[in-house]
C-alpha atoms as a PDB file:
ATOM      1  CA  MET A   1     -47.851  13.340  42.009  1.00  0.00           C
ATOM      2  CA  ASP A   2     -47.709   9.617  42.868  1.00  0.00           C
ATOM      3  CA  SER A   3     -48.387   8.627  39.243  1.00  0.00           C
ATOM      4  CA  ILE A   4     -45.454  10.754  38.066  1.00  0.00           C
ATOM      5  CA  ASN A   5     -43.120   9.090  40.574  1.00  0.00           C
ATOM      6  CA  VAL A   6     -44.201   5.635  39.420  1.00  0.00           C
ATOM      7  CA  GLU A   7     -43.964   6.368  35.697  1.00  0.00           C
ATOM      8  CA  ALA A   8     -40.453   7.909  35.816  1.00  0.00           C
ATOM      9  CA  PRO A   9     -38.666   4.723  37.022  1.00  0.00           C
ATOM     10  CA  ALA A  10     -40.715   2.683  34.561  1.00  0.00           C
ATOM     11  CA  ALA A  11     -39.607   4.912  31.689  1.00  0.00           C
ATOM     12  CA  ARG A  12     -35.996   4.597  32.784  1.00  0.00           C
ATOM     13  CA  LEU A  13     -36.323   0.806  32.805  1.00  0.00           C
ATOM     14  CA  VAL A  14     -37.690   0.885  29.267  1.00  0.00           C
ATOM     15  CA  TRP A  15     -34.759   2.995  28.081  1.00  0.00           C
ATOM     16  CA  LEU A  16     -32.287   0.728  29.851  1.00  0.00           C
ATOM     17  CA  ARG A  17     -33.784  -2.271  28.060  1.00  0.00           C
ATOM     18  CA  VAL A  18     -33.619  -0.448  24.715  1.00  0.00           C
ATOM     19  CA  VAL A  19     -29.970   0.516  25.277  1.00  0.00           C
ATOM     20  CA  ARG A  20     -29.120  -3.043  26.345  1.00  0.00           C
ATOM     21  CA  VAL A  21     -30.787  -4.528  23.250  1.00  0.00           C
ATOM     22  CA  MET A  22     -29.034  -2.031  20.970  1.00  0.00           C
ATOM     23  CA  ALA A  23     -25.642  -2.673  22.580  1.00  0.00           C
ATOM     24  CA  LEU A  24     -26.086  -6.429  22.337  1.00  0.00           C
ATOM     25  CA  SER A  25     -27.214  -6.136  18.718  1.00  0.00           C
ATOM     26  CA  LEU A  26     -24.138  -4.090  17.822  1.00  0.00           C
ATOM     27  CA  ALA A  27     -21.964  -6.595  19.658  1.00  0.00           C
ATOM     28  CA  TRP A  28     -23.449  -9.455  17.648  1.00  0.00           C
ATOM     29  CA  VAL A  29     -22.878  -7.587  14.385  1.00  0.00           C
ATOM     30  CA  ALA A  30     -19.223  -7.099  15.348  1.00  0.00           C
ATOM     31  CA  ILE A  31     -18.924 -10.742  16.400  1.00  0.00           C
ATOM     32  CA  ALA A  32     -20.476 -11.908  13.126  1.00  0.00           C
ATOM     33  CA  VAL A  33     -17.893  -9.859  11.172  1.00  0.00           C
ATOM     34  CA  LEU A  34     -15.043 -11.133  13.363  1.00  0.00           C
ATOM     35  CA  SER A  35     -16.240 -14.712  13.011  1.00  0.00           C
ATOM     36  CA  LEU A  36     -16.400 -14.489   9.214  1.00  0.00           C
ATOM     37  CA  TRP A  37     -12.925 -12.932   9.173  1.00  0.00           C
ATOM     38  CA  SER A  38     -11.609 -15.685  11.476  1.00  0.00           C
ATOM     39  CA  ILE A  39     -13.002 -18.418   9.224  1.00  0.00           C
ATOM     40  CA  ALA A  40     -11.438 -16.723   6.190  1.00  0.00           C
ATOM     41  CA  ALA A  41      -8.093 -16.273   7.981  1.00  0.00           C
ATOM     42  CA  LEU A  42      -7.977 -19.956   8.944  1.00  0.00           C
ATOM     43  CA  TYR A  43      -8.846 -20.977   5.392  1.00  0.00           C
ATOM     44  CA  VAL A  44      -6.407 -18.602   3.683  1.00  0.00           C
ATOM     45  CA  ASP A  45      -3.437 -18.352   6.051  1.00  0.00           C
ATOM     46  CA  THR A  46      -3.126 -21.806   7.637  1.00  0.00           C
ATOM     47  CA  ARG A  47       0.265 -22.910   6.387  1.00  0.00           C
ATOM     48  CA  ALA A  48      -0.624 -26.609   6.062  1.00  0.00           C
ATOM     49  CA  PRO A  49      -2.955 -26.752   3.004  1.00  0.00           C
ATOM     50  CA  HIS A  50      -4.633 -30.005   4.092  1.00  0.00           C
ATOM     51  CA  ALA A  51      -5.676 -28.412   7.409  1.00  0.00           C
ATOM     52  CA  ARG A  52      -7.316 -25.271   6.036  1.00  0.00           C
ATOM     53  CA  ILE A  53     -10.824 -26.575   5.392  1.00  0.00           C
ATOM     54  CA  PRO A  54     -11.025 -28.736   8.569  1.00  0.00           C
ATOM     55  CA  LEU A  55      -9.904 -25.847  10.794  1.00  0.00           C
ATOM     56  CA  ALA A  56     -12.359 -23.428   9.201  1.00  0.00           C
ATOM     57  CA  ILE A  57     -15.197 -25.953   9.603  1.00  0.00           C
ATOM     58  CA  VAL A  58     -14.309 -26.705  13.238  1.00  0.00           C
ATOM     59  CA  PHE A  59     -14.212 -23.001  14.093  1.00  0.00           C
ATOM     60  CA  ALA A  60     -17.575 -22.394  12.420  1.00  0.00           C
ATOM     61  CA  ALA A  61     -19.064 -25.384  14.240  1.00  0.00           C
ATOM     62  CA  VAL A  62     -17.809 -24.122  17.611  1.00  0.00           C
ATOM     63  CA  ILE A  63     -19.316 -20.676  17.012  1.00  0.00           C
ATOM     64  CA  ILE A  64     -22.676 -22.144  15.940  1.00  0.00           C
ATOM     65  CA  THR A  65     -22.756 -24.474  18.957  1.00  0.00           C
ATOM     66  CA  ILE A  66     -22.051 -21.602  21.360  1.00  0.00           C
ATOM     67  CA  VAL A  67     -24.779 -19.446  19.813  1.00  0.00           C
ATOM     68  CA  ILE A  68     -27.375 -22.226  19.924  1.00  0.00           C
ATOM     69  CA  THR A  69     -26.722 -23.592  23.428  1.00  0.00           C
ATOM     70  CA  LEU A  70     -25.849 -20.589  25.603  1.00  0.00           C
ATOM     71  CA  ARG A  71     -27.559 -17.405  26.714  1.00  0.00           C
ATOM     72  CA  SER A  72     -27.013 -14.408  24.476  1.00  0.00           C
ATOM     73  CA  ALA A  73     -24.579 -12.360  26.592  1.00  0.00           C
ATOM     74  CA  ILE A  74     -22.451 -15.377  27.557  1.00  0.00           C
ATOM     75  CA  ALA A  75     -22.491 -16.660  23.981  1.00  0.00           C
ATOM     76  CA  ALA A  76     -21.343 -13.275  22.673  1.00  0.00           C
ATOM     77  CA  PHE A  77     -18.450 -13.209  25.143  1.00  0.00           C
ATOM     78  CA  LEU A  78     -17.283 -16.753  24.288  1.00  0.00           C
ATOM     79  CA  CYS A  79     -17.554 -16.114  20.536  1.00  0.00           C
ATOM     80  CA  PHE A  80     -15.468 -12.972  20.983  1.00  0.00           C
ATOM     81  CA  CYS A  81     -12.847 -14.997  22.891  1.00  0.00           C
ATOM     82  CA  CYS A  82     -12.701 -17.573  20.079  1.00  0.00           C
ATOM     83  CA  CYS A  83     -12.110 -14.803  17.535  1.00  0.00           C
ATOM     84  CA  CYS A  84      -9.376 -13.335  19.740  1.00  0.00           C
ATOM     85  CA  VAL A  85      -7.583 -16.698  19.781  1.00  0.00           C
ATOM     86  CA  VAL A  86      -7.561 -16.722  15.958  1.00  0.00           C
ATOM     87  CA  LEU A  87      -6.430 -13.086  15.862  1.00  0.00           C
ATOM     88  CA  ILE A  88      -3.511 -13.766  18.227  1.00  0.00           C
ATOM     89  CA  TRP A  89      -2.432 -16.731  16.063  1.00  0.00           C
ATOM     90  CA  TRP A  90      -2.750 -14.618  12.908  1.00  0.00           C
ATOM     91  CA  LEU A  91      -0.772 -11.687  14.314  1.00  0.00           C
ATOM     92  CA  ASN A  92       2.064 -14.050  15.205  1.00  0.00           C
ATOM     93  CA  LEU A  93       2.508 -15.337  11.652  1.00  0.00           C
ATOM     94  CA  ARG A  94       5.903 -14.100  10.512  1.00  0.00           C
ATOM     95  CA  PRO A  95       7.112 -13.462   6.954  1.00  0.00           C
ATOM     96  CA  ALA A  96       9.831 -15.860   5.923  1.00  0.00           C
ATOM     97  CA  GLY A  97      12.030 -13.475   3.944  1.00  0.00           C
ATOM     98  CA  GLN A  98      13.307 -16.467   1.976  1.00  0.00           C
ATOM     99  CA  ALA A  99      11.101 -18.054  -0.679  1.00  0.00           C
ATOM    100  CA  ALA A 100      10.875 -18.938  -4.365  1.00  0.00           C
ATOM    101  CA  TRP A 101      10.317 -15.353  -5.464  1.00  0.00           C
ATOM    102  CA  MET A 102       9.391 -14.172  -8.923  1.00  0.00           C
ATOM    103  CA  PRO A 103      12.591 -13.220 -10.803  1.00  0.00           C
ATOM    104  CA  ASP A 104      11.810  -9.480 -10.759  1.00  0.00           C
ATOM    105  CA  ALA A 105      11.390  -9.658  -6.967  1.00  0.00           C
ATOM    106  CA  ALA A 106      14.204 -12.098  -6.301  1.00  0.00           C
ATOM    107  CA  ARG A 107      16.389  -9.457  -4.643  1.00  0.00           C
ATOM    108  CA  THR A 108      15.602  -6.612  -2.284  1.00  0.00           C
ATOM    109  CA  ALA A 109      17.382  -3.281  -2.495  1.00  0.00           C
ATOM    110  CA  TRP A 110      19.509  -1.902   0.295  1.00  0.00           C
ATOM    111  CA  VAL A 111      21.373   1.352   0.575  1.00  0.00           C
ATOM    112  CA  ALA A 112      24.750   2.259   2.056  1.00  0.00           C
ATOM    113  CA  ILE A 113      25.390   5.920   2.868  1.00  0.00           C
ATOM    114  CA  ASP A 114      28.934   7.175   3.372  1.00  0.00           C
ATOM    115  CA  GLY A 115      28.767  10.916   3.955  1.00  0.00           C
ATOM    116  CA  ASP A 116      27.496  12.410   0.713  1.00  0.00           C
ATOM    117  CA  ARG A 117      27.915   9.195  -1.246  1.00  0.00           C
ATOM    118  CA  VAL A 118      24.919   6.849  -1.596  1.00  0.00           C
ATOM    119  CA  THR A 119      25.322   3.351  -3.028  1.00  0.00           C
ATOM    120  CA  ILE A 120      22.116   1.572  -3.964  1.00  0.00           C
ATOM    121  CA  HIS A 121      22.557  -2.188  -4.118  1.00  0.00           C
ATOM    122  CA  ASN A 122      20.181  -4.394  -6.126  1.00  0.00           C
ATOM    123  CA  LEU A 123      18.716  -1.523  -8.106  1.00  0.00           C
ATOM    124  CA  ARG A 124      16.266  -3.038 -10.594  1.00  0.00           C
ATOM    125  CA  ASN A 125      16.733  -2.149 -14.262  1.00  0.00           C
ATOM    126  CA  CYS A 126      15.361  -5.051 -16.294  1.00  0.00           C
ATOM    127  CA  ASP A 127      15.664  -5.366 -20.054  1.00  0.00           C
ATOM    128  CA  TYR A 128      12.073  -6.176 -21.051  1.00  0.00           C
ATOM    129  CA  GLN A 129      11.000  -8.152 -24.078  1.00  0.00           C
ATOM    130  CA  THR A 130       7.428  -8.494 -22.765  1.00  0.00           C
ATOM    131  CA  GLU A 131       5.760  -7.808 -19.437  1.00  0.00           C
ATOM    132  CA  THR A 132       6.775 -11.237 -18.155  1.00  0.00           C
ATOM    133  CA  SER A 133       9.979 -11.789 -20.132  1.00  0.00           C
ATOM    134  CA  TYR A 134      13.055  -9.858 -18.989  1.00  0.00           C
ATOM    135  CA  THR A 135      16.781 -10.191 -18.323  1.00  0.00           C
ATOM    136  CA  ASN A 136      19.666  -8.345 -16.646  1.00  0.00           C
ATOM    137  CA  CYS A 137      17.595  -6.958 -13.799  1.00  0.00           C
ATOM    138  CA  TRP A 138      20.096  -6.125 -11.080  1.00  0.00           C
ATOM    139  CA  THR A 139      22.817  -3.540 -10.731  1.00  0.00           C
ATOM    140  CA  ASP A 140      24.366  -1.146  -8.208  1.00  0.00           C
ATOM    141  CA  ARG A 141      24.279   2.611  -8.589  1.00  0.00           C
ATOM    142  CA  THR A 142      25.951   5.511  -6.825  1.00  0.00           C
ATOM    143  CA  VAL A 143      24.382   8.948  -6.370  1.00  0.00           C
ATOM    144  CA  TYR A 144      25.231  11.915  -4.161  1.00  0.00           C
ATOM    145  CA  LEU A 145      22.897  13.518  -1.633  1.00  0.00           C
ATOM    146  CA  SER A 146      24.205  16.995  -2.442  1.00  0.00           C
ATOM    147  CA  GLN A 147      22.990  16.532  -6.032  1.00  0.00           C
ATOM    148  CA  LEU A 148      19.379  15.747  -5.112  1.00  0.00           C
ATOM    149  CA  LYS A 149      17.254  18.338  -6.934  1.00  0.00           C
ATOM    150  CA  GLY A 150      13.672  17.288  -6.261  1.00  0.00           C
ATOM    151  CA  ALA A 151      11.014  14.594  -6.378  1.00  0.00           C
ATOM    152  CA  ASP A 152       8.466  13.580  -8.999  1.00  0.00           C
ATOM    153  CA  PHE A 153       5.176  11.791  -8.485  1.00  0.00           C
ATOM    154  CA  PHE A 154       3.828   9.140 -10.864  1.00  0.00           C
ATOM    155  CA  LEU A 155       0.313   7.719 -10.667  1.00  0.00           C
ATOM    156  CA  THR A 156      -0.817   4.673 -12.611  1.00  0.00           C
ATOM    157  CA  ASN A 157      -4.504   4.011 -13.303  1.00  0.00           C
ATOM    158  CA  TRP A 158      -6.040   0.973 -15.004  1.00  0.00           C
ATOM    159  CA  GLY A 159      -9.742   1.627 -15.319  1.00  0.00           C
ATOM    160  CA  SER A 160     -11.240   2.139 -11.880  1.00  0.00           C
ATOM    161  CA  ARG A 161     -11.296   5.740 -10.671  1.00  0.00           C
ATOM    162  CA  TRP A 162     -10.815   4.457  -7.110  1.00  0.00           C
ATOM    163  CA  ILE A 163      -7.652   2.410  -7.531  1.00  0.00           C
ATOM    164  CA  GLY A 164      -4.182   3.514  -8.600  1.00  0.00           C
ATOM    165  CA  HIS A 165      -0.528   2.923  -7.898  1.00  0.00           C
ATOM    166  CA  PRO A 166       1.818   5.772  -6.877  1.00  0.00           C
ATOM    167  CA  ILE A 167       5.560   5.823  -7.535  1.00  0.00           C
ATOM    168  CA  VAL A 168       7.941   8.483  -6.221  1.00  0.00           C
ATOM    169  CA  SER A 169      11.119   9.265  -8.158  1.00  0.00           C
ATOM    170  CA  PHE A 170      14.043  11.397  -6.964  1.00  0.00           C
ATOM    171  CA  GLN A 171      16.250  13.385  -9.334  1.00  0.00           C
ATOM    172  CA  PHE A 172      19.990  13.425  -8.744  1.00  0.00           C
ATOM    173  CA  GLY A 173      22.047  15.721 -10.954  1.00  0.00           C
ATOM    174  CA  ASP A 174      20.732  16.519 -14.398  1.00  0.00           C
ATOM    175  CA  ASN A 175      19.206  13.203 -15.446  1.00  0.00           C
ATOM    176  CA  ASP A 176      19.674  10.449 -12.865  1.00  0.00           C
ATOM    177  CA  HIS A 177      16.356   9.318 -11.399  1.00  0.00           C
ATOM    178  CA  ILE A 178      15.853   6.738  -8.641  1.00  0.00           C
ATOM    179  CA  ALA A 179      12.258   5.512  -8.360  1.00  0.00           C
ATOM    180  CA  PHE A 180      10.591   3.769  -5.423  1.00  0.00           C
ATOM    181  CA  SER A 181       7.527   1.585  -5.873  1.00  0.00           C
ATOM    182  CA  ILE A 182       6.028  -0.028  -2.761  1.00  0.00           C
ATOM    183  CA  GLU A 183       4.489  -3.342  -3.801  1.00  0.00           C
ATOM    184  CA  ALA A 184       3.426  -6.836  -2.818  1.00  0.00           C
ATOM    185  CA  ARG A 185       6.283  -9.292  -3.297  1.00  0.00           C
ATOM    186  CA  TYR A 186       5.139 -12.315  -5.292  1.00  0.00           C
ATOM    187  CA  LYS A 187       6.290 -15.894  -5.054  1.00  0.00           C
ATOM    188  CA  VAL A 188       6.409 -17.994  -8.198  1.00  0.00           C
ATOM    189  CA  GLY A 189       2.832 -18.739  -9.185  1.00  0.00           C
ATOM    190  CA  GLN A 190       1.299 -15.864  -7.231  1.00  0.00           C
ATOM    191  CA  SER A 191      -0.542 -12.869  -8.633  1.00  0.00           C
ATOM    192  CA  TYR A 192      -2.294 -10.001  -6.907  1.00  0.00           C
ATOM    193  CA  SER A 193      -5.694 -10.476  -5.331  1.00  0.00           C
ATOM    194  CA  ALA A 194      -7.411  -7.596  -3.543  1.00  0.00           C
ATOM    195  CA  ILE A 195      -9.045 -10.079  -1.157  1.00  0.00           C
ATOM    196  CA  LEU A 196      -5.856 -11.999  -0.372  1.00  0.00           C
ATOM    197  CA  GLY A 197      -4.165  -8.646   0.168  1.00  0.00           C
ATOM    198  CA  PHE A 198      -6.058  -8.320   3.452  1.00  0.00           C
ATOM    199  CA  PHE A 199      -4.493 -11.539   4.747  1.00  0.00           C
ATOM    200  CA  ARG A 200      -0.904 -12.719   5.145  1.00  0.00           C
ATOM    201  CA  GLN A 201      -0.168 -13.957   1.664  1.00  0.00           C
ATOM    202  CA  TYR A 202       2.277 -11.340   0.347  1.00  0.00           C
ATOM    203  CA  GLU A 203       5.375  -9.769   1.801  1.00  0.00           C
ATOM    204  CA  LEU A 204       6.170  -6.083   1.401  1.00  0.00           C
ATOM    205  CA  ILE A 205       8.876  -4.939  -1.007  1.00  0.00           C
ATOM    206  CA  PHE A 206      10.283  -1.517  -1.868  1.00  0.00           C
ATOM    207  CA  VAL A 207      11.152  -1.878  -5.548  1.00  0.00           C
ATOM    208  CA  THR A 208      14.051   0.534  -6.087  1.00  0.00           C
ATOM    209  CA  ALA A 209      14.546   1.007  -9.788  1.00  0.00           C
ATOM    210  CA  ASP A 210      15.605   2.999 -12.790  1.00  0.00           C
ATOM    211  CA  GLU A 211      12.630   4.694 -14.451  1.00  0.00           C
ATOM    212  CA  ARG A 212      13.348   2.739 -17.641  1.00  0.00           C
ATOM    213  CA  ASP A 213      12.268  -0.275 -15.629  1.00  0.00           C
ATOM    214  CA  VAL A 214       9.482   0.616 -13.238  1.00  0.00           C
ATOM    215  CA  ILE A 215       7.821   3.327 -15.361  1.00  0.00           C
ATOM    216  CA  ARG A 216       8.430   1.868 -18.818  1.00  0.00           C
ATOM    217  CA  LEU A 217       7.016  -1.472 -17.624  1.00  0.00           C
ATOM    218  CA  ARG A 218       3.705   0.249 -16.980  1.00  0.00           C
ATOM    219  CA  THR A 219       3.584   2.524 -20.024  1.00  0.00           C
ATOM    220  CA  ASN A 220       5.018   0.230 -22.694  1.00  0.00           C
ATOM    221  CA  TYR A 221       4.414  -3.381 -21.680  1.00  0.00           C
ATOM    222  CA  ARG A 222       1.390  -3.668 -19.436  1.00  0.00           C
ATOM    223  CA  LYS A 223      -1.980  -3.352 -21.099  1.00  0.00           C
ATOM    224  CA  ALA A 224      -4.541  -0.688 -20.188  1.00  0.00           C
ATOM    225  CA  GLU A 225      -2.335   1.132 -17.681  1.00  0.00           C
ATOM    226  CA  GLU A 226      -2.241   4.914 -17.975  1.00  0.00           C
ATOM    227  CA  VAL A 227       0.598   6.782 -16.260  1.00  0.00           C
ATOM    228  CA  TYR A 228       0.676  10.432 -15.177  1.00  0.00           C
ATOM    229  CA  MET A 229       3.798  12.249 -14.014  1.00  0.00           C
ATOM    230  CA  TYR A 230       3.925  15.415 -11.908  1.00  0.00           C
ATOM    231  CA  ARG A 231       6.695  17.568 -10.522  1.00  0.00           C
ATOM    232  CA  THR A 232       6.191  18.016  -6.802  1.00  0.00           C
ATOM    233  CA  THR A 233       6.661  21.279  -4.950  1.00  0.00           C
ATOM    234  CA  LEU A 234       9.110  19.696  -2.504  1.00  0.00           C
ATOM    235  CA  SER A 235      12.284  21.700  -2.012  1.00  0.00           C
ATOM    236  CA  PRO A 236      15.585  19.801  -2.322  1.00  0.00           C
ATOM    237  CA  GLY A 237      15.819  19.787   1.489  1.00  0.00           C
ATOM    238  CA  ALA A 238      12.335  18.337   1.954  1.00  0.00           C
ATOM    239  CA  ALA A 239      12.897  15.855  -0.894  1.00  0.00           C
ATOM    240  CA  LEU A 240      16.068  14.690   0.856  1.00  0.00           C
ATOM    241  CA  LYS A 241      14.132  13.947   4.049  1.00  0.00           C
ATOM    242  CA  VAL A 242      11.544  11.951   2.101  1.00  0.00           C
ATOM    243  CA  PHE A 243      14.286  10.076   0.219  1.00  0.00           C
ATOM    244  CA  LEU A 244      15.927   9.118   3.513  1.00  0.00           C
ATOM    245  CA  SER A 245      12.556   7.901   4.818  1.00  0.00           C
ATOM    246  CA  TYR A 246      12.396   5.462   1.903  1.00  0.00           C
ATOM    247  CA  VAL A 247      16.001   4.409   2.481  1.00  0.00           C
ATOM    248  CA  ASP A 248      15.498   3.813   6.201  1.00  0.00           C
ATOM    249  CA  TYR A 249      12.416   1.685   5.619  1.00  0.00           C
ATOM    250  CA  LEU A 250      13.839  -0.458   2.831  1.00  0.00           C
ATOM    251  CA  ASN A 251      17.014  -1.091   4.837  1.00  0.00           C
ATOM    252  CA  GLN A 252      14.827  -2.129   7.758  1.00  0.00           C
ATOM    253  CA  LEU A 253      12.914  -4.567   5.525  1.00  0.00           C
ATOM    254  CA  ARG A 254      16.174  -6.251   4.575  1.00  0.00           C
ATOM    255  CA  ASP A 255      16.565  -7.562   8.146  1.00  0.00           C
ATOM    256  CA  GLN A 256      12.950  -7.453   9.328  1.00  0.00           C
ATOM    257  CA  PRO A 257      10.549  -8.503   6.552  1.00  0.00           C
ATOM    258  CA  GLU A 258       6.947  -7.310   6.855  1.00  0.00           C
ATOM    259  CA  TRP A 259       3.618  -8.403   5.480  1.00  0.00           C
ATOM    260  CA  TYR A 260       1.942  -6.440   2.744  1.00  0.00           C
ATOM    261  CA  ASN A 261      -1.621  -5.470   3.677  1.00  0.00           C
ATOM    262  CA  ALA A 262      -4.138  -3.957   1.281  1.00  0.00           C
ATOM    263  CA  LEU A 263      -5.242  -1.491   3.953  1.00  0.00           C
ATOM    264  CA  THR A 264      -2.385  -0.759   6.357  1.00  0.00           C
ATOM    265  CA  ARG A 265       0.799  -1.662   4.433  1.00  0.00           C
ATOM    266  CA  ASN A 266       0.184  -0.874   0.805  1.00  0.00           C
ATOM    267  CA  CYS A 267       1.691   1.365  -1.867  1.00  0.00           C
ATOM    268  CA  THR A 268       0.212   4.488  -0.259  1.00  0.00           C
ATOM    269  CA  THR A 269      -0.236   3.938   3.475  1.00  0.00           C
ATOM    270  CA  THR A 270       3.119   2.339   4.333  1.00  0.00           C
ATOM    271  CA  LEU A 271       5.031   5.637   4.467  1.00  0.00           C
ATOM    272  CA  ASP A 272       2.254   8.220   4.633  1.00  0.00           C
ATOM    273  CA  ARG A 273       3.013   9.289   8.216  1.00  0.00           C
ATOM    274  CA  GLN A 274       6.762   9.543   7.630  1.00  0.00           C
ATOM    275  CA  ILE A 275       6.315  11.521   4.419  1.00  0.00           C
ATOM    276  CA  ALA A 276       3.751  13.834   6.018  1.00  0.00           C
ATOM    277  CA  ALA A 277       6.238  14.587   8.802  1.00  0.00           C
ATOM    278  CA  ASN A 278       8.785  15.755   6.223  1.00  0.00           C
ATOM    279  CA  VAL A 279       6.641  18.090   4.118  1.00  0.00           C
ATOM    280  CA  PRO A 280       5.537  21.649   4.894  1.00  0.00           C
ATOM    281  CA  ASN A 281       2.019  22.113   6.265  1.00  0.00           C
ATOM    282  CA  PRO A 282       1.121  18.423   6.785  1.00  0.00           C
ATOM    283  CA  GLN A 283      -2.628  17.921   6.594  1.00  0.00           C
ATOM    284  CA  ALA A 284      -5.106  15.421   7.986  1.00  0.00           C
ATOM    285  CA  ARG A 285      -5.371  11.951   6.525  1.00  0.00           C
ATOM    286  CA  ASN A 286      -7.929  11.523   3.779  1.00  0.00           C
ATOM    287  CA  TYR A 287      -9.935   8.625   2.337  1.00  0.00           C
ATOM    288  CA  GLN A 288      -8.034   9.161  -0.947  1.00  0.00           C
ATOM    289  CA  LEU A 289      -4.967   7.670   0.734  1.00  0.00           C
ATOM    290  CA  ILE A 290      -6.904   4.381   0.743  1.00  0.00           C
ATOM    291  CA  LEU A 291      -8.989   4.791  -2.416  1.00  0.00           C
ATOM    292  CA  ASN A 292      -5.937   6.215  -4.139  1.00  0.00           C
ATOM    293  CA  GLY A 293      -7.004   6.398  -7.776  1.00  0.00           C
ATOM    294  CA  SER A 294      -7.438  10.158  -7.355  1.00  0.00           C
ATOM    295  CA  LEU A 295      -4.359  10.719  -5.225  1.00  0.00           C
ATOM    296  CA  ASP A 296      -3.034  13.201  -7.777  1.00  0.00           C
ATOM    297  CA  ARG A 297      -6.198  15.281  -7.333  1.00  0.00           C
ATOM    298  CA  LEU A 298      -5.638  15.284  -3.563  1.00  0.00           C
ATOM    299  CA  LEU A 299      -2.018  16.388  -3.969  1.00  0.00           C
ATOM    300  CA  TYR A 300      -3.155  19.126  -6.372  1.00  0.00           C
ATOM    301  CA  ALA A 301      -5.666  20.391  -3.797  1.00  0.00           C
ATOM    302  CA  ARG A 302      -2.955  20.407  -1.134  1.00  0.00           C
ATOM    303  CA  ASP A 303      -0.492  22.376  -3.320  1.00  0.00           C
ATOM    304  CA  ARG A 304       1.942  19.468  -3.489  1.00  0.00           C
ATOM    305  CA  LEU A 305       2.247  19.596  -7.297  1.00  0.00           C
ATOM    306  CA  VAL A 306       3.686  22.169  -9.660  1.00  0.00           C
ATOM    307  CA  THR A 307       0.622  23.213 -11.645  1.00  0.00           C
ATOM    308  CA  GLY A 308       1.716  26.067 -13.916  1.00  0.00           C
ATOM    309  CA  GLY A 309      -1.574  27.708 -12.962  1.00  0.00           C
ATOM    310  CA  LEU A 310      -3.574  25.057 -14.830  1.00  0.00           C
ATOM    311  CA  PRO A 311      -6.868  23.601 -13.585  1.00  0.00           C
ATOM    312  CA  PHE A 312      -6.484  19.997 -12.478  1.00  0.00           C
ATOM    313  CA  GLU A 313      -8.100  18.293 -15.483  1.00  0.00           C
ATOM    314  CA  GLU A 314      -5.939  20.214 -17.952  1.00  0.00           C
ATOM    315  CA  LEU A 315      -2.804  19.536 -15.907  1.00  0.00           C
ATOM    316  CA  ARG A 316      -3.628  15.829 -15.740  1.00  0.00           C
ATOM    317  CA  GLU A 317      -4.120  15.630 -19.493  1.00  0.00           C
ATOM    318  CA  ARG A 318      -0.763  17.326 -20.130  1.00  0.00           C
ATOM    319  CA  GLU A 319       1.050  15.044 -17.684  1.00  0.00           C
ATOM    320  CA  HIS A 320      -0.135  11.803 -19.321  1.00  0.00           C
ATOM    321  CA  ILE A 321       3.141  10.217 -20.482  1.00  0.00           C
ATOM    322  CA  ASN A 322       2.257   6.926 -22.238  1.00  0.00           C
ATOM    323  CA  GLN A 323       2.805   8.221 -25.765  1.00  0.00           C
ATOM    324  CA  ALA A 324       6.105   9.881 -24.888  1.00  0.00           C
ATOM    325  CA  ALA A 325       7.269   6.738 -23.094  1.00  0.00           C
ATOM    326  CA  ASN A 326       6.500   4.577 -26.111  1.00  0.00           C
ATOM    327  CA  THR A 327       8.464   6.967 -28.312  1.00  0.00           C
ATOM    328  CA  ALA A 328      11.392   6.819 -25.876  1.00  0.00           C
ATOM    329  CA  GLU A 329      11.266   3.014 -25.679  1.00  0.00           C
ATOM    330  CA  HIS A 330      14.915   2.182 -26.432  1.00  0.00           C
ATOM    331  CA  SER A 331      16.491   5.540 -25.704  1.00  0.00           C
ATOM    332  CA  PRO A 332      19.032   5.883 -22.888  1.00  0.00           C
ATOM    333  CA  ASP A 333      17.456   9.329 -22.362  1.00  0.00           C
ATOM    334  CA  PHE A 334      14.086   7.818 -21.428  1.00  0.00           C
ATOM    335  CA  SER A 335      13.681   9.963 -18.302  1.00  0.00           C
ATOM    336  CA  ALA A 336      14.510  13.195 -20.111  1.00  0.00           C
ATOM    337  CA  MET A 337      12.186  12.391 -23.012  1.00  0.00           C
ATOM    338  CA  ILE A 338       9.123  11.685 -20.886  1.00  0.00           C
ATOM    339  CA  ARG A 339       9.684  15.028 -19.118  1.00  0.00           C
ATOM    340  CA  PHE A 340      10.158  17.153 -22.203  1.00  0.00           C
ATOM    341  CA  GLY A 341       7.512  19.902 -22.355  1.00  0.00           C
ATOM    342  CA  ARG A 342       5.843  18.902 -19.088  1.00  0.00           C
ATOM    343  CA  VAL A 343       4.769  21.362 -16.455  1.00  0.00           C
ATOM    344  CA  GLY A 344       7.523  22.057 -13.936  1.00  0.00           C
ATOM    345  CA  PHE A 345      10.388  20.585 -15.994  1.00  0.00           C
END
């Protein structure tokens, strides 16, 4: 009996030590990740270029000194505090709104609604000669909410099955289509980097455009991009709510610029909650909202697309529009031509 009483506390002490070691190990893994992120943030997002390397080196030196000279638990706490200081600085970086933007991102759209009448200012509708050569990009356009008939979903792929770019287009009347593409806004000299997208290098822009711009750019001028177009099952009423969600957000960005982020503020995740709130039977979030190259497959599974009873692979093949878009290159009926013979149109 006495041996049992002695061994029980001893066993508990062993388990307590094991739990403590495991907790401390997990804490150090988290601190290592945070420290690497902090060094990268200082190097990438420090606004004074000459200070980037010195600040990153100083931070790394402080972390190493703490780890070497102090006891483990205290060192972990102080390292965590150092990372928090960098995080607070990083979170307080604000987008400028004004910069030397690329010409096709030089203006941001904004929308004025007067009853049924909707005026879209700075609608993009570039005349392209090549992907990077274009003129006459900006115009205003008026549409009417009562004429909104539905919404179409475009998905662009360029090789990887995991990565894509969605565009939502709203049909007003018989053949007027307003497309929204949520993108990173580039300054002159910038181009997209998946790594830099996790930092504060790009601002967020809602490109509001004619399909002859934002779709034709991807089908006819960019290399190796494949575009698929689907009719959604949204009713005109539900499509209106989604359209107004886009309008509200882009008008907000006009006065309160935001950072693009490859995870939390990208082409898919920026409006996913608002859109889900406006569609019937909203469903749980899914990894395909992040790894969005198969977003059309997810929407098919959730009955968000008009399918004509076709299995997904056959539907996807029929909705591939590159050839039709190239045929419609200079036609004013571009939108009608890429829809001819498609499922749901």
